[in-house]
């Protein structure tokens, strides 16, 4: 079973930061070795048990600020993993099963270093949504930056060769000021160029502006 496609629609992304945190962690767990890690089975579903240094995740998603503040932010991150939406498996006759995406997580000290232990459901590794691995997408600067990157990820992750980003709708949705609009446009062009440079996509991206005007980037 994979995630329902409805799980990822904009209408259901109520908390953009929480969803972005999921994408960050999906990027990170791809760097972990699943072949030799312990496994736990619950009602026929498999969970991978990973132990890794906290600093590895901190280095993966660079966080600004003093080292102590960085650690506190990441500790809070792992305390909130349980809040991520569960996986719901619909069965016959309106019956269902609900599985936590992260069954267990903990952060503890071992030999004077912080270590993370987490049980991750196998479905997360089968997640078909395109994950952007380039540097700029590994974290976000503010709410606007978070939503912008999520919108761009969604726009370029469709199976169609036509990638469309509705720029005017995005700007109107956030009710940005003149200076903020200029900044968003600059950031968007930068991100798109980075995506092409990384070889993530090879087709054009269409920016739909006001009055339906289309600007093609490739």
N, C-alpha and C. Protein backbone atom coordinates (compact mmCIF):
# COMPACT_ATOMS: atom_id res chain seq x y z
N UNK A 1 0.84 -1.20 0.00
CA UNK A 1 0.00 0.00 0.00
C UNK A 1 0.88 1.25 0.00
N UNK A 2 0.52 2.21 -0.81
CA UNK A 2 1.21 3.50 -0.82
C UNK A 2 0.27 4.56 -0.27
N UNK A 3 0.79 5.76 -0.07
CA UNK A 3 -0.05 6.86 0.40
C UNK A 3 -1.15 7.15 -0.60
N UNK A 4 -2.31 7.52 -0.10
CA UNK A 4 -3.38 7.99 -0.97
C UNK A 4 -2.96 9.30 -1.60
N UNK A 5 -3.24 9.48 -2.89
CA UNK A 5 -2.85 10.72 -3.55
C UNK A 5 -3.55 11.91 -2.92
N UNK A 6 -4.73 11.67 -2.34
CA UNK A 6 -5.45 12.76 -1.69
C UNK A 6 -4.73 13.29 -0.48
N UNK A 7 -3.84 12.49 0.08
CA UNK A 7 -3.05 12.90 1.25
C UNK A 7 -2.21 14.14 0.94
N UNK A 8 -1.87 14.32 -0.32
CA UNK A 8 -0.93 15.37 -0.69
C UNK A 8 -1.55 16.56 -1.41
N UNK A 9 -2.88 16.61 -1.51
CA UNK A 9 -3.50 17.73 -2.18
C UNK A 9 -3.38 18.98 -1.33
N UNK A 10 -3.34 20.14 -1.98
CA UNK A 10 -3.20 21.41 -1.26
C UNK A 10 -4.31 21.61 -0.24
N UNK A 11 -5.53 21.16 -0.56
CA UNK A 11 -6.64 21.36 0.35
C UNK A 11 -6.43 20.65 1.68
N UNK A 12 -5.65 19.57 1.66
CA UNK A 12 -5.46 18.80 2.87
C UNK A 12 -4.16 19.16 3.59
N UNK A 13 -3.35 20.02 2.99
CA UNK A 13 -2.14 20.46 3.69
C UNK A 13 -2.51 21.64 4.56
N UNK A 14 -2.97 21.35 5.76
CA UNK A 14 -3.41 22.40 6.67
C UNK A 14 -2.20 23.07 7.33
N UNK A 15 -1.19 22.28 7.63
CA UNK A 15 0.00 22.79 8.29
C UNK A 15 1.19 22.60 7.35
N UNK A 16 1.55 23.66 6.64
CA UNK A 16 2.62 23.56 5.64
C UNK A 16 3.96 23.18 6.27
N UNK A 17 4.24 23.71 7.45
CA UNK A 17 5.52 23.41 8.09
C UNK A 17 5.60 21.94 8.48
N UNK A 18 4.50 21.39 8.99
CA UNK A 18 4.48 19.98 9.37
C UNK A 18 4.72 19.10 8.14
N UNK A 19 4.08 19.47 7.03
CA UNK A 19 4.24 18.70 5.80
C UNK A 19 5.68 18.83 5.28
N UNK A 20 6.25 20.03 5.39
CA UNK A 20 7.63 20.22 4.95
C UNK A 20 8.58 19.37 5.79
N UNK A 21 8.30 19.27 7.10
CA UNK A 21 9.12 18.44 7.97
C UNK A 21 9.10 16.98 7.51
N UNK A 22 7.93 16.53 7.05
CA UNK A 22 7.84 15.18 6.52
C UNK A 22 8.74 15.01 5.30
N UNK A 23 8.71 15.98 4.39
CA UNK A 23 9.57 15.90 3.20
C UNK A 23 11.05 15.91 3.58
N UNK A 24 11.40 16.73 4.57
CA UNK A 24 12.79 16.76 5.02
C UNK A 24 13.22 15.38 5.52
N UNK A 25 12.36 14.77 6.32
CA UNK A 25 12.74 13.48 6.90
C UNK A 25 12.76 12.39 5.84
N UNK A 26 11.85 12.47 4.85
CA UNK A 26 11.87 11.49 3.76
C UNK A 26 13.18 11.59 2.98
N UNK A 27 13.67 12.81 2.81
CA UNK A 27 14.98 12.99 2.17
C UNK A 27 16.06 12.32 3.00
N UNK A 28 16.01 12.57 4.31
CA UNK A 28 17.07 12.08 5.19
C UNK A 28 17.09 10.57 5.27
N UNK A 29 15.92 9.92 5.42
CA UNK A 29 15.92 8.47 5.60
C UNK A 29 16.41 7.74 4.34
N UNK A 30 16.40 8.44 3.20
CA UNK A 30 16.96 7.83 1.99
C UNK A 30 18.47 7.65 2.12
N UNK A 31 19.10 8.40 3.02
CA UNK A 31 20.54 8.29 3.21
C UNK A 31 20.90 7.18 4.19
N UNK A 32 19.90 6.60 4.86
CA UNK A 32 20.16 5.57 5.87
C UNK A 32 20.18 4.19 5.24
N UNK A 33 20.89 3.28 5.88
CA UNK A 33 21.00 1.91 5.39
C UNK A 33 19.86 1.07 5.96
N UNK A 34 18.98 0.60 5.08
CA UNK A 34 17.84 -0.19 5.54
C UNK A 34 18.12 -1.70 5.54
N UNK A 35 19.17 -2.11 4.88
CA UNK A 35 19.42 -3.53 4.71
C UNK A 35 19.78 -4.23 6.02
N UNK A 36 20.56 -3.56 6.85
CA UNK A 36 21.06 -4.20 8.07
C UNK A 36 20.37 -3.72 9.34
N UNK A 37 19.42 -2.82 9.23
CA UNK A 37 18.79 -2.28 10.43
C UNK A 37 17.74 -3.26 10.96
N UNK A 38 17.48 -3.26 12.28
CA UNK A 38 16.45 -4.14 12.85
C UNK A 38 15.08 -3.77 12.31
N UNK A 39 14.15 -4.73 12.37
CA UNK A 39 12.80 -4.52 11.87
C UNK A 39 11.79 -4.95 12.93
N UNK A 40 10.63 -4.31 12.88
CA UNK A 40 9.56 -4.62 13.82
C UNK A 40 8.27 -4.78 13.01
N UNK A 41 7.52 -5.83 13.30
CA UNK A 41 6.29 -6.10 12.56
C UNK A 41 5.07 -5.91 13.46
N UNK A 42 4.09 -5.20 12.94
CA UNK A 42 2.85 -4.96 13.66
C UNK A 42 1.68 -5.20 12.72
N UNK A 43 0.87 -6.22 13.02
CA UNK A 43 -0.30 -6.55 12.20
C UNK A 43 0.06 -6.65 10.71
N UNK A 44 1.20 -7.27 10.45
CA UNK A 44 1.61 -7.49 9.07
C UNK A 44 2.32 -6.32 8.42
N UNK A 45 2.46 -5.23 9.13
CA UNK A 45 3.17 -4.06 8.57
C UNK A 45 4.57 -4.00 9.15
N UNK A 46 5.53 -3.62 8.30
CA UNK A 46 6.93 -3.59 8.71
C UNK A 46 7.39 -2.19 9.05
N UNK A 47 8.11 -2.07 10.16
CA UNK A 47 8.74 -0.83 10.57
C UNK A 47 10.25 -1.04 10.62
N UNK A 48 11.00 -0.10 10.06
CA UNK A 48 12.46 -0.12 10.16
C UNK A 48 12.87 0.65 11.42
N UNK A 49 13.81 0.09 12.16
CA UNK A 49 14.28 0.72 13.39
C UNK A 49 15.65 1.33 13.13
N UNK A 50 15.72 2.64 13.17
CA UNK A 50 16.97 3.35 12.86
C UNK A 50 17.51 4.05 14.09
N UNK A 51 18.82 3.96 14.26
CA UNK A 51 19.56 4.72 15.26
C UNK A 51 20.61 5.54 14.53
N UNK A 52 20.63 6.84 14.79
CA UNK A 52 21.61 7.69 14.11
C UNK A 52 21.93 8.89 14.98
N UNK A 53 23.14 9.44 14.84
CA UNK A 53 23.51 10.63 15.61
C UNK A 53 22.62 11.82 15.26
N UNK A 54 22.20 12.54 16.26
CA UNK A 54 21.35 13.72 16.04
C UNK A 54 22.05 14.72 15.13
N UNK A 55 23.36 14.84 15.27
CA UNK A 55 24.11 15.83 14.47
C UNK A 55 24.05 15.51 12.98
N UNK A 56 23.85 14.23 12.62
CA UNK A 56 23.74 13.88 11.20
C UNK A 56 22.52 14.54 10.58
N UNK A 57 21.41 14.53 11.31
CA UNK A 57 20.20 15.17 10.80
C UNK A 57 20.35 16.68 10.82
N UNK A 58 21.02 17.22 11.85
CA UNK A 58 21.25 18.66 11.93
C UNK A 58 22.09 19.13 10.76
N UNK A 59 23.07 18.32 10.37
CA UNK A 59 23.91 18.68 9.23
C UNK A 59 23.15 18.56 7.90
N UNK A 60 22.18 17.64 7.87
CA UNK A 60 21.42 17.42 6.64
C UNK A 60 20.49 18.57 6.34
N UNK A 61 19.85 19.12 7.37
CA UNK A 61 18.99 20.30 7.19
C UNK A 61 19.62 21.45 7.97
N UNK A 62 20.54 22.17 7.37
CA UNK A 62 21.24 23.22 8.10
C UNK A 62 20.28 24.16 8.83
N UNK A 63 20.55 24.36 10.11
CA UNK A 63 19.72 25.26 10.93
C UNK A 63 20.58 26.40 11.42
N UNK A 64 20.10 27.63 11.25
CA UNK A 64 20.86 28.80 11.68
C UNK A 64 20.73 29.00 13.19
N UNK A 65 21.67 29.74 13.75
CA UNK A 65 21.62 30.06 15.17
C UNK A 65 22.71 29.35 15.95
N UNK A 66 22.75 29.60 17.27
CA UNK A 66 23.76 28.99 18.13
C UNK A 66 23.53 27.48 18.23
N UNK A 67 24.60 26.75 18.53
CA UNK A 67 24.55 25.30 18.54
C UNK A 67 23.49 24.77 19.51
N UNK A 68 23.39 25.37 20.69
CA UNK A 68 22.42 24.92 21.68
C UNK A 68 20.99 25.14 21.16
N UNK A 69 20.75 26.28 20.54
CA UNK A 69 19.42 26.56 19.99
C UNK A 69 19.09 25.63 18.83
N UNK A 70 20.09 25.31 18.03
CA UNK A 70 19.89 24.36 16.93
C UNK A 70 19.44 23.01 17.48
N UNK A 71 20.11 22.55 18.53
CA UNK A 71 19.77 21.26 19.11
C UNK A 71 18.36 21.26 19.68
N UNK A 72 17.98 22.34 20.32
CA UNK A 72 16.63 22.42 20.89
C UNK A 72 15.56 22.37 19.80
N UNK A 73 15.83 23.03 18.68
CA UNK A 73 14.88 23.01 17.56
C UNK A 73 14.71 21.59 17.02
N UNK A 74 15.82 20.87 16.88
CA UNK A 74 15.76 19.52 16.32
C UNK A 74 15.14 18.55 17.33
N UNK A 75 15.41 18.72 18.62
CA UNK A 75 14.78 17.89 19.64
C UNK A 75 13.27 18.05 19.60
N UNK A 76 12.83 19.29 19.43
CA UNK A 76 11.39 19.55 19.30
C UNK A 76 10.84 18.86 18.07
N UNK A 77 11.61 18.85 17.01
CA UNK A 77 11.21 18.21 15.75
C UNK A 77 10.88 16.74 16.00
N UNK A 78 11.76 16.02 16.69
CA UNK A 78 11.55 14.59 16.91
C UNK A 78 10.48 14.32 17.96
N UNK A 79 10.22 15.27 18.84
CA UNK A 79 9.11 15.11 19.78
C UNK A 79 7.77 15.19 19.08
N UNK A 80 7.74 15.83 17.91
CA UNK A 80 6.48 16.04 17.21
C UNK A 80 6.23 15.07 16.05
N UNK A 81 7.10 14.08 15.89
CA UNK A 81 6.92 13.14 14.79
C UNK A 81 5.58 12.41 14.87
N UNK A 82 5.13 12.14 16.09
CA UNK A 82 3.89 11.38 16.26
C UNK A 82 2.68 12.15 15.73
N UNK A 83 2.80 13.47 15.55
CA UNK A 83 1.69 14.27 15.08
C UNK A 83 1.44 14.15 13.58
N UNK A 84 2.40 13.56 12.86
CA UNK A 84 2.21 13.38 11.42
C UNK A 84 1.02 12.46 11.17
N UNK A 85 0.26 12.75 10.14
CA UNK A 85 -0.95 11.98 9.86
C UNK A 85 -0.64 10.50 9.69
N UNK A 86 -1.49 9.64 10.24
CA UNK A 86 -1.28 8.19 10.11
C UNK A 86 -1.65 7.70 8.72
N UNK A 87 -1.34 6.44 8.46
CA UNK A 87 -1.74 5.79 7.21
C UNK A 87 -3.01 5.00 7.49
N UNK A 88 -4.06 5.27 6.74
CA UNK A 88 -5.35 4.60 6.94
C UNK A 88 -5.57 3.62 5.80
N UNK A 89 -5.75 2.38 6.16
CA UNK A 89 -5.99 1.33 5.18
C UNK A 89 -7.47 0.96 5.20
N UNK A 90 -8.16 1.27 4.13
CA UNK A 90 -9.58 0.95 4.03
C UNK A 90 -9.75 -0.51 3.61
N UNK A 91 -10.56 -1.24 4.38
CA UNK A 91 -10.83 -2.63 4.07
C UNK A 91 -12.28 -2.79 3.61
N UNK A 92 -12.73 -4.02 3.47
CA UNK A 92 -14.09 -4.26 3.02
C UNK A 92 -15.10 -3.94 4.12
N UNK A 93 -16.35 -3.70 3.72
CA UNK A 93 -17.46 -3.47 4.66
C UNK A 93 -17.19 -2.30 5.59
N UNK A 94 -16.53 -1.26 5.06
CA UNK A 94 -16.26 -0.03 5.82
C UNK A 94 -15.33 -0.24 7.00
N UNK A 95 -14.66 -1.38 7.07
CA UNK A 95 -13.69 -1.58 8.14
C UNK A 95 -12.37 -0.92 7.73
N UNK A 96 -11.48 -0.71 8.69
CA UNK A 96 -10.23 -0.01 8.41
C UNK A 96 -9.17 -0.37 9.43
N UNK A 97 -7.94 -0.03 9.09
CA UNK A 97 -6.81 -0.15 10.03
C UNK A 97 -6.00 1.15 9.94
N UNK A 98 -5.53 1.61 11.08
CA UNK A 98 -4.76 2.86 11.13
C UNK A 98 -3.37 2.55 11.69
N UNK A 99 -2.36 2.96 10.94
CA UNK A 99 -0.98 2.74 11.35
C UNK A 99 -0.26 4.07 11.50
N UNK A 100 0.46 4.23 12.59
CA UNK A 100 1.28 5.42 12.78
C UNK A 100 2.44 5.40 11.79
N UNK A 101 2.74 6.55 11.20
CA UNK A 101 3.89 6.61 10.30
C UNK A 101 5.19 6.43 11.08
N UNK A 102 5.25 7.02 12.27
CA UNK A 102 6.38 6.83 13.17
C UNK A 102 5.84 6.22 14.46
N UNK A 103 6.08 4.92 14.62
CA UNK A 103 5.51 4.20 15.75
C UNK A 103 6.17 4.60 17.06
N UNK A 104 7.43 4.96 17.00
CA UNK A 104 8.18 5.28 18.22
C UNK A 104 9.35 6.18 17.84
N UNK A 105 9.64 7.14 18.69
CA UNK A 105 10.84 7.96 18.49
C UNK A 105 11.38 8.38 19.85
N UNK A 106 12.69 8.50 19.93
CA UNK A 106 13.32 8.95 21.17
C UNK A 106 14.65 9.59 20.85
N UNK A 107 15.09 10.47 21.71
CA UNK A 107 16.41 11.10 21.61
C UNK A 107 17.07 10.95 22.97
N UNK A 108 18.27 10.38 22.98
CA UNK A 108 18.95 10.12 24.25
C UNK A 108 20.45 10.34 24.07
N UNK A 109 21.16 10.39 25.20
CA UNK A 109 22.61 10.58 25.17
C UNK A 109 23.32 9.25 25.35
N UNK A 110 24.31 9.01 24.50
CA UNK A 110 25.11 7.81 24.60
C UNK A 110 26.56 8.18 24.34
N UNK A 111 27.41 7.89 25.30
CA UNK A 111 28.84 8.24 25.19
C UNK A 111 29.01 9.72 24.87
N UNK A 112 28.22 10.54 25.55
CA UNK A 112 28.30 12.00 25.46
C UNK A 112 27.90 12.55 24.09
N UNK A 113 27.08 11.80 23.38
CA UNK A 113 26.56 12.33 22.12
C UNK A 113 25.06 12.01 22.03
N UNK A 114 24.34 12.87 21.33
CA UNK A 114 22.90 12.71 21.18
C UNK A 114 22.60 11.71 20.06
N UNK A 115 21.71 10.77 20.37
CA UNK A 115 21.36 9.73 19.41
C UNK A 115 19.84 9.68 19.25
N UNK A 116 19.40 9.47 18.01
CA UNK A 116 17.97 9.35 17.71
C UNK A 116 17.64 7.88 17.44
N UNK A 117 16.52 7.43 17.99
CA UNK A 117 16.01 6.09 17.69
C UNK A 117 14.57 6.25 17.22
N UNK A 118 14.27 5.69 16.06
CA UNK A 118 12.94 5.90 15.50
C UNK A 118 12.48 4.66 14.74
N UNK A 119 11.18 4.34 14.89
CA UNK A 119 10.54 3.25 14.16
C UNK A 119 9.78 3.88 12.99
N UNK A 120 10.17 3.56 11.75
CA UNK A 120 9.61 4.20 10.56
C UNK A 120 8.86 3.15 9.74
N UNK A 121 7.60 3.41 9.42
CA UNK A 121 6.83 2.45 8.63
C UNK A 121 7.38 2.34 7.22
N UNK A 122 7.35 1.13 6.68
CA UNK A 122 7.93 0.86 5.37
C UNK A 122 7.31 1.72 4.27
N UNK A 123 6.03 2.09 4.42
CA UNK A 123 5.33 2.86 3.39
C UNK A 123 6.06 4.16 3.06
N UNK A 124 6.75 4.74 4.03
CA UNK A 124 7.45 6.01 3.78
C UNK A 124 8.54 5.84 2.73
N UNK A 125 9.11 4.65 2.65
CA UNK A 125 10.16 4.41 1.66
C UNK A 125 9.58 4.20 0.26
N UNK A 126 8.27 3.95 0.20
CA UNK A 126 7.61 3.73 -1.09
C UNK A 126 6.92 5.00 -1.57
N UNK A 127 7.16 6.09 -0.89
CA UNK A 127 6.52 7.35 -1.20
C UNK A 127 6.93 7.81 -2.59
N UNK A 128 5.95 7.94 -3.49
CA UNK A 128 6.26 8.20 -4.90
C UNK A 128 6.44 9.67 -5.22
N UNK A 129 6.10 10.55 -4.29
CA UNK A 129 6.21 11.99 -4.55
C UNK A 129 7.67 12.38 -4.77
N UNK A 130 7.93 13.18 -5.78
CA UNK A 130 9.29 13.57 -6.08
C UNK A 130 9.89 14.38 -4.93
N UNK A 131 11.04 13.98 -4.47
CA UNK A 131 11.71 14.67 -3.37
C UNK A 131 12.88 15.47 -3.93
N UNK A 132 12.92 16.75 -3.60
CA UNK A 132 13.98 17.61 -4.10
C UNK A 132 15.18 17.52 -3.15
N UNK A 133 16.31 17.11 -3.69
CA UNK A 133 17.48 16.90 -2.85
C UNK A 133 18.46 18.06 -2.88
N UNK A 134 18.21 19.06 -3.71
CA UNK A 134 19.16 20.16 -3.81
C UNK A 134 19.20 20.97 -2.52
N UNK A 135 20.27 21.67 -2.34
CA UNK A 135 20.58 22.34 -1.07
C UNK A 135 19.48 23.28 -0.60
N UNK A 136 18.96 24.10 -1.48
CA UNK A 136 18.01 25.14 -1.08
C UNK A 136 16.69 24.57 -0.57
N UNK A 137 16.36 23.33 -0.94
CA UNK A 137 15.09 22.74 -0.54
C UNK A 137 15.17 21.98 0.78
N UNK A 138 16.36 21.87 1.34
CA UNK A 138 16.50 21.09 2.56
C UNK A 138 15.97 21.81 3.79
N UNK A 139 15.72 23.10 3.66
CA UNK A 139 15.11 23.85 4.75
C UNK A 139 14.44 25.08 4.17
N UNK A 140 13.73 25.82 4.99
CA UNK A 140 13.05 27.03 4.54
C UNK A 140 13.34 28.16 5.52
N UNK A 141 13.18 29.40 5.06
CA UNK A 141 13.53 30.56 5.88
C UNK A 141 12.36 31.12 6.67
N UNK A 142 11.16 31.04 6.11
CA UNK A 142 9.96 31.58 6.77
C UNK A 142 8.73 30.92 6.15
N UNK A 143 7.55 31.34 6.59
CA UNK A 143 6.32 30.73 6.13
C UNK A 143 6.14 30.87 4.61
N UNK A 144 6.41 32.07 4.09
CA UNK A 144 6.27 32.29 2.65
C UNK A 144 7.22 31.41 1.86
N UNK A 145 8.46 31.30 2.32
CA UNK A 145 9.46 30.47 1.66
C UNK A 145 9.05 29.00 1.71
N UNK A 146 8.48 28.59 2.83
CA UNK A 146 8.01 27.21 3.00
C UNK A 146 6.93 26.88 1.97
N UNK A 147 5.92 27.75 1.86
CA UNK A 147 4.81 27.50 0.95
C UNK A 147 5.28 27.57 -0.50
N UNK A 148 6.16 28.51 -0.81
CA UNK A 148 6.69 28.64 -2.17
C UNK A 148 7.38 27.36 -2.61
N UNK A 149 8.22 26.80 -1.75
CA UNK A 149 8.95 25.59 -2.10
C UNK A 149 8.02 24.39 -2.22
N UNK A 150 7.02 24.31 -1.35
CA UNK A 150 6.05 23.22 -1.46
C UNK A 150 5.27 23.30 -2.77
N UNK A 151 4.86 24.53 -3.14
CA UNK A 151 4.13 24.72 -4.39
C UNK A 151 4.98 24.32 -5.60
N UNK A 152 6.26 24.68 -5.56
CA UNK A 152 7.15 24.35 -6.68
C UNK A 152 7.40 22.85 -6.74
N UNK A 153 7.59 22.22 -5.59
CA UNK A 153 7.77 20.77 -5.55
C UNK A 153 6.56 20.08 -6.17
N UNK A 154 5.39 20.53 -5.78
CA UNK A 154 4.15 19.92 -6.31
C UNK A 154 4.03 20.14 -7.81
N UNK A 155 4.42 21.34 -8.27
CA UNK A 155 4.29 21.67 -9.70
C UNK A 155 5.18 20.80 -10.57
N UNK A 156 6.38 20.50 -10.12
CA UNK A 156 7.32 19.76 -10.94
C UNK A 156 7.26 18.25 -10.69
N UNK A 157 6.43 17.82 -9.72
CA UNK A 157 6.36 16.40 -9.39
C UNK A 157 5.25 15.67 -10.13
N UNK A 158 4.48 16.38 -10.93
CA UNK A 158 3.42 15.72 -11.68
C UNK A 158 4.03 14.85 -12.78
N UNK A 159 3.31 13.78 -13.16
CA UNK A 159 3.82 12.86 -14.17
C UNK A 159 3.87 13.50 -15.56
N UNK A 160 3.00 14.46 -15.79
CA UNK A 160 2.95 15.12 -17.09
C UNK A 160 4.25 15.86 -17.37
N UNK A 161 4.64 15.90 -18.64
CA UNK A 161 5.84 16.65 -19.01
C UNK A 161 5.62 18.15 -18.91
N UNK A 162 4.36 18.57 -18.83
CA UNK A 162 4.05 19.98 -18.69
C UNK A 162 4.03 20.36 -17.21
N UNK A 163 4.99 21.18 -16.79
CA UNK A 163 5.08 21.63 -15.41
C UNK A 163 4.58 23.07 -15.33
N UNK A 164 3.55 23.30 -14.55
CA UNK A 164 2.93 24.63 -14.49
C UNK A 164 2.93 25.15 -13.06
N UNK A 165 3.40 26.39 -12.90
CA UNK A 165 3.37 27.07 -11.61
C UNK A 165 2.51 28.32 -11.77
N UNK A 166 1.40 28.38 -11.04
CA UNK A 166 0.47 29.51 -11.14
C UNK A 166 0.96 30.63 -10.20
N UNK A 167 1.82 31.47 -10.73
CA UNK A 167 2.46 32.50 -9.94
C UNK A 167 1.47 33.53 -9.41
N UNK A 168 0.57 34.00 -10.25
CA UNK A 168 -0.37 35.04 -9.82
C UNK A 168 -1.29 34.53 -8.72
N UNK A 169 -1.74 33.28 -8.84
CA UNK A 169 -2.59 32.70 -7.80
C UNK A 169 -1.85 32.60 -6.48
N UNK A 170 -0.57 32.23 -6.56
CA UNK A 170 0.24 32.10 -5.35
C UNK A 170 0.38 33.45 -4.66
N UNK A 171 0.67 34.49 -5.42
CA UNK A 171 0.85 35.83 -4.86
C UNK A 171 -0.45 36.34 -4.24
N UNK A 172 -1.56 36.13 -4.93
CA UNK A 172 -2.86 36.57 -4.42
C UNK A 172 -3.26 35.81 -3.16
N UNK A 173 -2.91 34.54 -3.11
CA UNK A 173 -3.25 33.71 -1.96
C UNK A 173 -2.58 34.23 -0.68
N UNK A 174 -1.34 34.67 -0.80
CA UNK A 174 -0.59 35.11 0.38
C UNK A 174 -0.72 36.61 0.64
N UNK A 175 -1.36 37.33 -0.30
CA UNK A 175 -1.56 38.77 -0.13
C UNK A 175 -0.24 39.48 0.19
N UNK A 176 0.70 39.36 -0.72
CA UNK A 176 2.04 39.91 -0.52
C UNK A 176 2.11 41.38 -0.91
N UNK A 177 3.01 42.10 -0.27
CA UNK A 177 3.25 43.50 -0.62
C UNK A 177 4.12 43.57 -1.86
N UNK A 178 4.31 44.78 -2.37
CA UNK A 178 5.11 44.97 -3.58
C UNK A 178 6.52 44.44 -3.44
N UNK A 179 7.20 44.80 -2.35
CA UNK A 179 8.57 44.34 -2.13
C UNK A 179 8.63 42.83 -1.96
N UNK A 180 7.62 42.27 -1.29
CA UNK A 180 7.58 40.83 -1.08
C UNK A 180 7.36 40.09 -2.40
N UNK A 181 6.56 40.66 -3.28
CA UNK A 181 6.32 40.04 -4.58
C UNK A 181 7.61 39.96 -5.39
N UNK A 182 8.37 41.07 -5.37
CA UNK A 182 9.66 41.08 -6.08
C UNK A 182 10.58 40.00 -5.53
N UNK A 183 10.61 39.90 -4.19
CA UNK A 183 11.49 38.90 -3.54
C UNK A 183 11.05 37.48 -3.89
N UNK A 184 9.77 37.22 -3.88
CA UNK A 184 9.25 35.89 -4.20
C UNK A 184 9.61 35.51 -5.64
N UNK A 185 9.44 36.44 -6.57
CA UNK A 185 9.77 36.16 -7.97
C UNK A 185 11.26 35.84 -8.13
N UNK A 186 12.10 36.61 -7.43
CA UNK A 186 13.54 36.36 -7.50
C UNK A 186 13.88 34.98 -6.93
N UNK A 187 13.26 34.65 -5.79
CA UNK A 187 13.51 33.35 -5.16
C UNK A 187 13.04 32.21 -6.04
N UNK A 188 11.89 32.40 -6.67
CA UNK A 188 11.33 31.35 -7.53
C UNK A 188 12.25 31.07 -8.72
N UNK A 189 12.74 32.12 -9.37
CA UNK A 189 13.65 31.96 -10.51
C UNK A 189 14.92 31.24 -10.06
N UNK A 190 15.43 31.63 -8.90
CA UNK A 190 16.64 30.99 -8.35
C UNK A 190 16.41 29.50 -8.12
N UNK A 191 15.28 29.15 -7.51
CA UNK A 191 14.98 27.75 -7.21
C UNK A 191 14.81 26.93 -8.49
N UNK A 192 14.14 27.50 -9.47
CA UNK A 192 13.93 26.79 -10.74
C UNK A 192 15.27 26.54 -11.44
N UNK A 193 16.13 27.54 -11.43
CA UNK A 193 17.45 27.37 -12.04
C UNK A 193 18.24 26.28 -11.31
N UNK A 194 18.12 26.25 -10.00
CA UNK A 194 18.83 25.23 -9.23
C UNK A 194 18.32 23.84 -9.58
N UNK A 195 17.00 23.71 -9.73
CA UNK A 195 16.39 22.42 -10.09
C UNK A 195 16.93 21.93 -11.43
N UNK A 196 17.03 22.83 -12.40
CA UNK A 196 17.56 22.45 -13.71
C UNK A 196 19.04 22.09 -13.62
N UNK A 197 19.80 22.86 -12.86
CA UNK A 197 21.22 22.59 -12.71
C UNK A 197 21.48 21.24 -12.05
N UNK A 198 20.60 20.86 -11.12
CA UNK A 198 20.75 19.58 -10.43
C UNK A 198 20.28 18.41 -11.30
N UNK A 199 19.63 18.72 -12.42
CA UNK A 199 19.14 17.67 -13.30
C UNK A 199 17.91 16.96 -12.78
N UNK A 200 17.18 17.62 -11.86
CA UNK A 200 15.97 17.02 -11.29
C UNK A 200 14.90 16.86 -12.35
N UNK A 201 14.76 17.85 -13.22
CA UNK A 201 13.81 17.76 -14.33
C UNK A 201 14.50 18.23 -15.60
N UNK A 202 13.93 17.82 -16.73
CA UNK A 202 14.53 18.17 -18.02
C UNK A 202 13.53 18.84 -18.95
N UNK A 203 12.30 19.00 -18.49
CA UNK A 203 11.28 19.67 -19.30
C UNK A 203 11.17 21.13 -18.87
N UNK A 204 10.37 21.88 -19.60
CA UNK A 204 10.19 23.30 -19.28
C UNK A 204 9.21 23.48 -18.13
N UNK A 205 9.32 24.63 -17.47
CA UNK A 205 8.36 25.01 -16.44
C UNK A 205 7.65 26.26 -16.93
N UNK A 206 6.33 26.23 -16.88
CA UNK A 206 5.54 27.38 -17.32
C UNK A 206 5.06 28.17 -16.11
N UNK A 207 5.41 29.46 -16.08
CA UNK A 207 4.92 30.35 -15.04
C UNK A 207 3.69 31.07 -15.59
N UNK A 208 2.55 30.85 -14.95
CA UNK A 208 1.31 31.49 -15.39
C UNK A 208 1.13 32.77 -14.59
N UNK A 209 1.20 33.91 -15.27
CA UNK A 209 1.07 35.21 -14.63
C UNK A 209 -0.36 35.73 -14.74
N UNK A 210 -0.54 36.95 -14.33
CA UNK A 210 -1.85 37.58 -14.38
C UNK A 210 -2.35 37.63 -15.83
N UNK A 211 -3.65 37.51 -15.99
CA UNK A 211 -4.30 37.52 -17.29
C UNK A 211 -3.93 36.32 -18.17
N UNK A 212 -3.36 35.28 -17.52
CA UNK A 212 -3.05 34.07 -18.25
C UNK A 212 -1.79 34.10 -19.07
N UNK A 213 -1.00 35.15 -18.95
CA UNK A 213 0.28 35.22 -19.68
C UNK A 213 1.22 34.13 -19.18
N UNK A 214 1.91 33.48 -20.11
CA UNK A 214 2.77 32.34 -19.77
C UNK A 214 4.23 32.67 -20.07
N UNK A 215 5.09 32.42 -19.10
CA UNK A 215 6.53 32.57 -19.28
C UNK A 215 7.16 31.19 -19.15
N UNK A 216 7.91 30.75 -20.15
CA UNK A 216 8.51 29.43 -20.13
C UNK A 216 9.96 29.51 -19.68
N UNK A 217 10.30 28.63 -18.73
CA UNK A 217 11.67 28.55 -18.23
C UNK A 217 12.18 27.14 -18.51
N UNK A 218 13.43 27.07 -18.99
CA UNK A 218 14.00 25.75 -19.30
C UNK A 218 15.51 25.78 -19.16
